[in-house]
Every structure is written in C-alpha cells, then in structure tokens.
Amino acid sequence: MLAQINSITQTQFKSLDYCDGEFDAAIGLPPQSYCGDYWRGYLNKTLETGVTPF
C-alpha cells in the first residue's frame, strides 16, 4: 500500500525544468518560478534572444 501512495503523490506534482523555462521565455510568457533549473533556462533564453517578456 505504501508504494501505491508514493506513486500517486509523485505524479501529482508538476516539475518545472530547464526546457520548460526556455520554452516559456521563447513564446513570451512571464516566468512561472524564480528558482531552480526552470529559472536558469528562462534567463538563458532571454540572454540568447535579447528579448525580455516581462
């Protein structure tokens, strides 16, 4: 039963990663988070393109 509970709770959380940050910056969305890999991807894309969507 414990294994089933862990698998259910892990799928409920959405993980924001580097590629999600790059994608959001590329299409002009405001950032969803200001920490972790998501933020690094977001900032790197804005530095690469020179466009800040915020």
Protein backbone atom coordinates (compact mmCIF):
# COMPACT_ATOMS: atom_id res chain seq x y z
CA MET A 1 0.00 0.00 0.00
CA LEU A 2 2.83 2.41 0.72
CA ALA A 3 4.28 2.04 -2.78
CA GLN A 4 0.92 2.91 -4.29
CA ILE A 5 0.62 6.09 -2.20
CA ASN A 6 4.12 7.21 -3.22
CA SER A 7 3.42 6.70 -6.91
CA ILE A 8 0.20 8.69 -6.70
CA THR A 9 1.73 11.65 -4.87
CA GLN A 10 4.73 11.82 -7.20
CA THR A 11 2.54 12.14 -10.28
CA GLN A 12 0.52 14.98 -8.77
CA PHE A 13 3.45 17.41 -8.66
CA LYS A 14 4.42 19.24 -11.83
CA SER A 15 8.15 19.55 -12.26
CA LEU A 16 9.44 22.65 -14.00
CA ASP A 17 12.75 22.04 -15.69
CA TYR A 18 15.26 23.89 -17.84
CA CYS A 19 13.44 23.21 -21.12
CA ASP A 20 10.13 24.46 -19.70
CA GLY A 21 11.83 27.74 -18.80
CA GLU A 22 13.38 28.11 -22.23
CA PHE A 23 10.06 27.40 -23.92
CA ASP A 24 8.11 29.90 -21.81
CA ALA A 25 10.68 32.62 -22.49
CA ALA A 26 10.73 31.81 -26.22
CA ILE A 27 6.97 32.26 -26.60
CA GLY A 28 6.84 35.36 -24.39
CA LEU A 29 5.18 34.03 -21.24
CA PRO A 30 6.02 35.51 -17.85
CA PRO A 31 8.08 33.19 -15.62
CA GLN A 32 6.20 30.63 -13.51
CA SER A 33 9.02 30.31 -10.97
CA TYR A 34 12.15 32.18 -9.97
CA CYS A 35 14.25 29.26 -8.76
CA GLY A 36 15.98 26.12 -9.94
CA ASP A 37 16.54 24.81 -13.44
CA TYR A 38 13.38 26.47 -14.74
CA TRP A 39 14.71 29.95 -13.92
CA ARG A 40 18.15 29.18 -15.38
CA GLY A 41 16.54 28.05 -18.64
CA TYR A 42 14.31 31.10 -18.70
CA LEU A 43 17.20 33.51 -18.15
CA ASN A 44 19.47 31.81 -20.66
CA LYS A 45 16.82 32.07 -23.37
CA THR A 46 16.27 35.77 -22.66
CA LEU A 47 20.04 36.36 -22.82
CA GLU A 48 20.24 34.42 -26.08
CA THR A 49 17.40 36.27 -27.80
CA GLY A 50 17.79 39.66 -26.15
CA VAL A 51 14.01 39.83 -25.63
CA THR A 52 12.65 40.05 -22.10
CA PRO A 53 8.98 39.07 -21.97
CA PHE A 54 8.48 40.54 -18.52
